[in-house]
Amino acid sequence: NGRWRSLYLLRPSTGVLTGSLHVDVHYYEDGNVRLLTTKPVSASLAASPSAQDVVREIAAVERKYQEDLNRAFASLSEGAFKGLRRQLPITRQKVEWEKIAGYRLGQDIGGGRAR
């Protein structure tokens, strides 16, 4: 889940296209991870480019960045994301959140004996 925003500025006389890509991605797989990134972009076109040239260049820049992000997420989901969070508590048992108020810290959760 996420949001992709782009902003571009074209100087027709020089054919210089500048802008930035703002990406906000929320990744959830038994835990939350968020990527918030901004990438500045710049491209040179022919002087007085046509609208098709501008659209084609923007599409190429954004496609390349999306492919880079997809590769990064593929490698992160296999290793780094899983390392950022623990699947289960130290006791290797899931916490029953509806009963959390009744737990005695260090005994019920930690598996210790009541004294």
N, C-alpha and C. Protein backbone atom coordinates (compact mmCIF):
# COMPACT_ATOMS: atom_id res chain seq x y z
N ASN A 1 0.86 -1.15 0.00
CA ASN A 1 0.00 0.00 0.00
C ASN A 1 0.91 1.22 0.00
N GLY A 2 0.52 2.26 -0.70
CA GLY A 2 1.37 3.43 -0.68
C GLY A 2 0.86 4.57 -1.54
N ARG A 3 1.71 5.58 -1.65
CA ARG A 3 1.37 6.77 -2.43
C ARG A 3 2.61 7.19 -3.21
N TRP A 4 2.39 7.56 -4.45
CA TRP A 4 3.46 8.00 -5.35
C TRP A 4 3.08 9.39 -5.86
N ARG A 5 3.93 10.36 -5.58
CA ARG A 5 3.68 11.72 -6.06
C ARG A 5 4.90 12.20 -6.83
N SER A 6 4.66 12.88 -7.93
CA SER A 6 5.75 13.41 -8.74
C SER A 6 5.49 14.87 -9.05
N LEU A 7 6.56 15.61 -9.15
CA LEU A 7 6.48 17.03 -9.50
C LEU A 7 7.59 17.30 -10.51
N TYR A 8 7.25 17.89 -11.65
CA TYR A 8 8.22 18.17 -12.70
C TYR A 8 8.14 19.62 -13.14
N LEU A 9 9.28 20.14 -13.57
CA LEU A 9 9.37 21.49 -14.12
C LEU A 9 10.16 21.39 -15.43
N LEU A 10 9.58 21.87 -16.51
CA LEU A 10 10.23 21.84 -17.82
C LEU A 10 10.58 23.25 -18.24
N ARG A 11 11.80 23.44 -18.66
CA ARG A 11 12.22 24.70 -19.25
C ARG A 11 12.29 24.47 -20.77
N PRO A 12 11.23 24.86 -21.48
CA PRO A 12 11.14 24.56 -22.91
C PRO A 12 12.30 25.09 -23.75
N SER A 13 12.81 26.26 -23.38
CA SER A 13 13.88 26.86 -24.20
C SER A 13 15.17 26.03 -24.15
N THR A 14 15.44 25.41 -23.02
CA THR A 14 16.66 24.61 -22.88
C THR A 14 16.40 23.11 -22.98
N GLY A 15 15.16 22.69 -22.79
CA GLY A 15 14.84 21.27 -22.83
C GLY A 15 15.22 20.54 -21.57
N VAL A 16 15.44 21.27 -20.48
CA VAL A 16 15.82 20.65 -19.21
C VAL A 16 14.56 20.33 -18.40
N LEU A 17 14.45 19.07 -18.00
CA LEU A 17 13.32 18.60 -17.19
C LEU A 17 13.86 18.23 -15.81
N THR A 18 13.38 18.92 -14.79
CA THR A 18 13.79 18.61 -13.42
C THR A 18 12.55 18.28 -12.61
N GLY A 19 12.75 17.58 -11.53
CA GLY A 19 11.61 17.24 -10.68
C GLY A 19 12.02 16.38 -9.52
N SER A 20 11.02 15.85 -8.86
CA SER A 20 11.27 14.96 -7.73
C SER A 20 10.14 13.94 -7.64
N LEU A 21 10.50 12.76 -7.16
CA LEU A 21 9.55 11.68 -6.92
C LEU A 21 9.43 11.49 -5.42
N HIS A 22 8.22 11.47 -4.91
CA HIS A 22 7.98 11.26 -3.49
C HIS A 22 7.20 9.95 -3.36
N VAL A 23 7.78 8.99 -2.67
CA VAL A 23 7.16 7.67 -2.53
C VAL A 23 7.00 7.37 -1.05
N ASP A 24 5.80 6.95 -0.68
CA ASP A 24 5.48 6.58 0.69
C ASP A 24 4.83 5.19 0.63
N VAL A 25 5.56 4.17 1.06
CA VAL A 25 5.09 2.79 0.95
C VAL A 25 4.93 2.19 2.33
N HIS A 26 3.81 1.53 2.56
CA HIS A 26 3.56 0.80 3.80
C HIS A 26 3.57 -0.68 3.48
N TYR A 27 4.42 -1.42 4.17
CA TYR A 27 4.58 -2.86 3.94
C TYR A 27 4.14 -3.58 5.20
N TYR A 28 3.26 -4.55 5.06
CA TYR A 28 2.79 -5.29 6.23
C TYR A 28 2.87 -6.78 5.95
N GLU A 29 3.59 -7.48 6.81
CA GLU A 29 3.63 -8.94 6.79
C GLU A 29 3.94 -9.35 8.22
N ASP A 30 2.91 -9.54 9.02
CA ASP A 30 3.06 -9.83 10.45
C ASP A 30 3.85 -8.75 11.17
N GLY A 31 3.78 -7.52 10.68
CA GLY A 31 4.46 -6.38 11.28
C GLY A 31 4.46 -5.23 10.30
N ASN A 32 4.69 -4.03 10.76
CA ASN A 32 4.64 -2.85 9.92
C ASN A 32 6.03 -2.33 9.59
N VAL A 33 6.24 -1.99 8.33
CA VAL A 33 7.46 -1.34 7.89
C VAL A 33 7.04 -0.24 6.91
N ARG A 34 7.69 0.90 6.99
CA ARG A 34 7.33 2.02 6.13
C ARG A 34 8.58 2.54 5.43
N LEU A 35 8.44 2.83 4.14
CA LEU A 35 9.49 3.46 3.37
C LEU A 35 8.98 4.82 2.91
N LEU A 36 9.69 5.85 3.26
CA LEU A 36 9.36 7.21 2.85
C LEU A 36 10.60 7.78 2.17
N THR A 37 10.51 8.03 0.87
CA THR A 37 11.69 8.46 0.14
C THR A 37 11.37 9.57 -0.86
N THR A 38 12.36 10.38 -1.14
CA THR A 38 12.27 11.42 -2.15
C THR A 38 13.48 11.30 -3.05
N LYS A 39 13.24 11.30 -4.35
CA LYS A 39 14.34 11.18 -5.31
C LYS A 39 14.28 12.35 -6.28
N PRO A 40 15.34 13.16 -6.33
CA PRO A 40 15.38 14.23 -7.33
C PRO A 40 15.73 13.63 -8.69
N VAL A 41 15.12 14.15 -9.74
CA VAL A 41 15.38 13.67 -11.10
C VAL A 41 15.70 14.84 -12.01
N SER A 42 16.49 14.54 -13.04
CA SER A 42 16.84 15.55 -14.03
C SER A 42 17.06 14.84 -15.36
N ALA A 43 16.59 15.44 -16.42
CA ALA A 43 16.76 14.87 -17.76
C ALA A 43 16.90 16.00 -18.76
N SER A 44 17.63 15.71 -19.83
CA SER A 44 17.81 16.69 -20.89
C SER A 44 17.07 16.21 -22.13
N LEU A 45 16.27 17.10 -22.68
CA LEU A 45 15.54 16.83 -23.92
C LEU A 45 16.02 17.82 -24.97
N ALA A 46 15.60 17.62 -26.19
CA ALA A 46 15.92 18.59 -27.24
C ALA A 46 15.25 19.92 -26.90
N ALA A 47 15.82 21.00 -27.37
CA ALA A 47 15.21 22.31 -27.14
C ALA A 47 13.82 22.32 -27.76
N SER A 48 12.87 22.93 -27.08
CA SER A 48 11.46 22.96 -27.49
C SER A 48 10.91 21.56 -27.77
N PRO A 49 10.92 20.69 -26.75
CA PRO A 49 10.44 19.33 -26.95
C PRO A 49 8.92 19.28 -27.12
N SER A 50 8.45 18.24 -27.77
CA SER A 50 7.00 18.05 -27.92
C SER A 50 6.45 17.45 -26.63
N ALA A 51 5.13 17.53 -26.50
CA ALA A 51 4.49 16.95 -25.31
C ALA A 51 4.75 15.46 -25.22
N GLN A 52 4.77 14.78 -26.37
CA GLN A 52 5.05 13.33 -26.38
C GLN A 52 6.45 13.03 -25.87
N ASP A 53 7.42 13.86 -26.24
CA ASP A 53 8.79 13.66 -25.76
C ASP A 53 8.86 13.80 -24.24
N VAL A 54 8.16 14.80 -23.72
CA VAL A 54 8.17 15.04 -22.27
C VAL A 54 7.51 13.87 -21.54
N VAL A 55 6.35 13.43 -22.02
CA VAL A 55 5.64 12.33 -21.38
C VAL A 55 6.48 11.04 -21.46
N ARG A 56 7.11 10.80 -22.58
CA ARG A 56 7.94 9.61 -22.75
C ARG A 56 9.12 9.62 -21.76
N GLU A 57 9.74 10.78 -21.59
CA GLU A 57 10.88 10.88 -20.66
C GLU A 57 10.43 10.69 -19.21
N ILE A 58 9.31 11.31 -18.85
CA ILE A 58 8.79 11.14 -17.48
C ILE A 58 8.46 9.67 -17.23
N ALA A 59 7.82 9.01 -18.19
CA ALA A 59 7.47 7.60 -18.04
C ALA A 59 8.72 6.74 -17.87
N ALA A 60 9.77 7.04 -18.63
CA ALA A 60 11.02 6.27 -18.53
C ALA A 60 11.67 6.45 -17.17
N VAL A 61 11.72 7.69 -16.69
CA VAL A 61 12.33 7.97 -15.38
C VAL A 61 11.56 7.26 -14.27
N GLU A 62 10.23 7.35 -14.30
CA GLU A 62 9.44 6.74 -13.24
C GLU A 62 9.45 5.22 -13.32
N ARG A 63 9.48 4.67 -14.52
CA ARG A 63 9.55 3.21 -14.68
C ARG A 63 10.86 2.68 -14.09
N LYS A 64 11.98 3.37 -14.38
CA LYS A 64 13.28 2.94 -13.86
C LYS A 64 13.29 2.99 -12.33
N TYR A 65 12.75 4.06 -11.77
CA TYR A 65 12.74 4.18 -10.31
C TYR A 65 11.84 3.11 -9.68
N GLN A 66 10.71 2.83 -10.30
CA GLN A 66 9.83 1.79 -9.77
C GLN A 66 10.51 0.42 -9.85
N GLU A 67 11.22 0.14 -10.92
CA GLU A 67 11.95 -1.13 -11.03
C GLU A 67 13.02 -1.23 -9.95
N ASP A 68 13.72 -0.12 -9.69
CA ASP A 68 14.73 -0.10 -8.62
C ASP A 68 14.08 -0.38 -7.26
N LEU A 69 12.93 0.24 -7.00
CA LEU A 69 12.23 0.00 -5.74
C LEU A 69 11.75 -1.45 -5.63
N ASN A 70 11.24 -2.00 -6.73
CA ASN A 70 10.78 -3.40 -6.71
C ASN A 70 11.92 -4.35 -6.39
N ARG A 71 13.10 -4.11 -6.99
CA ARG A 71 14.27 -4.95 -6.69
C ARG A 71 14.67 -4.81 -5.22
N ALA A 72 14.65 -3.58 -4.72
CA ALA A 72 15.02 -3.36 -3.32
C ALA A 72 14.04 -4.05 -2.38
N PHE A 73 12.74 -3.97 -2.66
CA PHE A 73 11.75 -4.62 -1.81
C PHE A 73 11.86 -6.13 -1.86
N ALA A 74 12.16 -6.67 -3.03
CA ALA A 74 12.31 -8.13 -3.16
C ALA A 74 13.45 -8.62 -2.29
N SER A 75 14.57 -7.91 -2.28
CA SER A 75 15.69 -8.35 -1.45
C SER A 75 15.44 -8.06 0.02
N LEU A 76 14.77 -6.94 0.33
CA LEU A 76 14.50 -6.61 1.74
C LEU A 76 13.50 -7.57 2.37
N SER A 77 12.48 -7.97 1.62
CA SER A 77 11.45 -8.83 2.21
C SER A 77 12.02 -10.19 2.59
N GLU A 78 13.08 -10.62 1.91
CA GLU A 78 13.68 -11.91 2.22
C GLU A 78 14.58 -11.85 3.45
N GLY A 79 15.16 -10.71 3.74
CA GLY A 79 16.11 -10.68 4.83
C GLY A 79 15.92 -9.57 5.84
N ALA A 80 16.10 -8.35 5.38
CA ALA A 80 16.15 -7.22 6.31
C ALA A 80 14.83 -6.97 7.01
N PHE A 81 13.69 -7.04 6.30
CA PHE A 81 12.40 -6.80 6.95
C PHE A 81 12.16 -7.80 8.06
N LYS A 82 12.46 -9.05 7.80
CA LYS A 82 12.24 -10.08 8.82
C LYS A 82 13.17 -9.86 10.01
N GLY A 83 14.33 -9.28 9.77
CA GLY A 83 15.25 -9.00 10.86
C GLY A 83 14.85 -7.80 11.70
N LEU A 84 13.97 -6.95 11.18
CA LEU A 84 13.55 -5.76 11.91
C LEU A 84 12.53 -6.06 13.00
N ARG A 85 11.91 -7.21 12.94
CA ARG A 85 10.86 -7.51 13.91
C ARG A 85 10.96 -8.96 14.34
N ARG A 86 10.43 -9.22 15.50
CA ARG A 86 10.40 -10.58 16.03
C ARG A 86 9.01 -11.12 15.80
N GLN A 87 8.90 -12.32 15.25
CA GLN A 87 7.60 -12.91 14.97
C GLN A 87 6.83 -13.22 16.26
N LEU A 88 7.53 -13.75 17.24
CA LEU A 88 6.89 -14.13 18.50
C LEU A 88 7.68 -13.56 19.67
N PRO A 89 7.06 -13.40 20.83
CA PRO A 89 7.81 -12.95 22.01
C PRO A 89 8.88 -13.98 22.38
N ILE A 90 9.70 -13.65 23.34
CA ILE A 90 10.79 -14.53 23.75
C ILE A 90 10.27 -15.90 24.18
N THR A 91 9.06 -15.95 24.72
CA THR A 91 8.49 -17.23 25.16
C THR A 91 8.05 -18.10 24.00
N ARG A 92 8.11 -17.57 22.78
CA ARG A 92 7.70 -18.26 21.56
C ARG A 92 6.20 -18.52 21.52
N GLN A 93 5.44 -17.75 22.29
CA GLN A 93 3.99 -17.86 22.29
C GLN A 93 3.40 -16.51 21.93
N LYS A 94 2.32 -16.53 21.18
CA LYS A 94 1.66 -15.28 20.81
C LYS A 94 1.01 -14.65 22.04
N VAL A 95 1.03 -13.32 22.09
CA VAL A 95 0.40 -12.59 23.19
C VAL A 95 -1.10 -12.53 22.91
N GLU A 96 -1.89 -12.89 23.89
CA GLU A 96 -3.35 -12.77 23.78
C GLU A 96 -3.73 -11.39 24.29
N TRP A 97 -3.88 -10.45 23.37
CA TRP A 97 -4.06 -9.05 23.73
C TRP A 97 -5.34 -8.80 24.50
N GLU A 98 -6.39 -9.58 24.28
CA GLU A 98 -7.62 -9.37 25.03
C GLU A 98 -7.46 -9.72 26.50
N LYS A 99 -6.41 -10.49 26.85
CA LYS A 99 -6.16 -10.87 28.24
C LYS A 99 -4.98 -10.12 28.85
N ILE A 100 -4.44 -9.14 28.14
CA ILE A 100 -3.21 -8.48 28.57
C ILE A 100 -3.33 -7.82 29.95
N ALA A 101 -4.50 -7.29 30.29
CA ALA A 101 -4.66 -6.63 31.58
C ALA A 101 -4.55 -7.62 32.73
N GLY A 102 -4.85 -8.89 32.50
CA GLY A 102 -4.79 -9.89 33.55
C GLY A 102 -3.44 -10.55 33.72
N TYR A 103 -2.49 -10.28 32.82
CA TYR A 103 -1.16 -10.90 32.94
C TYR A 103 -0.38 -10.29 34.09
N ARG A 104 0.40 -11.10 34.75
CA ARG A 104 1.34 -10.62 35.75
C ARG A 104 2.71 -10.64 35.08
N LEU A 105 3.25 -9.47 34.80
CA LEU A 105 4.49 -9.36 34.06
C LEU A 105 5.58 -10.21 34.68
N GLY A 106 6.26 -10.99 33.85
CA GLY A 106 7.34 -11.82 34.35
C GLY A 106 6.87 -13.19 34.80
N GLN A 107 5.57 -13.38 34.99
CA GLN A 107 5.08 -14.68 35.42
C GLN A 107 4.27 -15.31 34.30
N ASP A 108 3.13 -14.73 33.98
CA ASP A 108 2.27 -15.31 32.94
C ASP A 108 2.95 -15.22 31.57
N ILE A 109 3.49 -14.05 31.25
CA ILE A 109 4.11 -13.86 29.94
C ILE A 109 5.45 -14.57 29.88
N GLY A 110 6.24 -14.44 30.93
CA GLY A 110 7.57 -15.03 30.94
C GLY A 110 7.60 -16.50 31.26
N GLY A 111 6.48 -17.08 31.61
CA GLY A 111 6.45 -18.50 31.89
C GLY A 111 6.95 -18.84 33.29
N GLY A 112 7.16 -17.82 34.14
CA GLY A 112 7.65 -18.07 35.49
C GLY A 112 6.56 -18.57 36.42
N ARG A 113 6.97 -19.02 37.59
CA ARG A 113 6.00 -19.52 38.57
C ARG A 113 5.60 -18.40 39.51
N ALA A 114 4.36 -18.43 39.96
CA ALA A 114 3.88 -17.48 40.97
C ALA A 114 4.49 -17.84 42.30
N ARG A 115 4.85 -16.85 43.10
CA ARG A 115 5.47 -17.13 44.40
C ARG A 115 4.51 -16.89 45.51
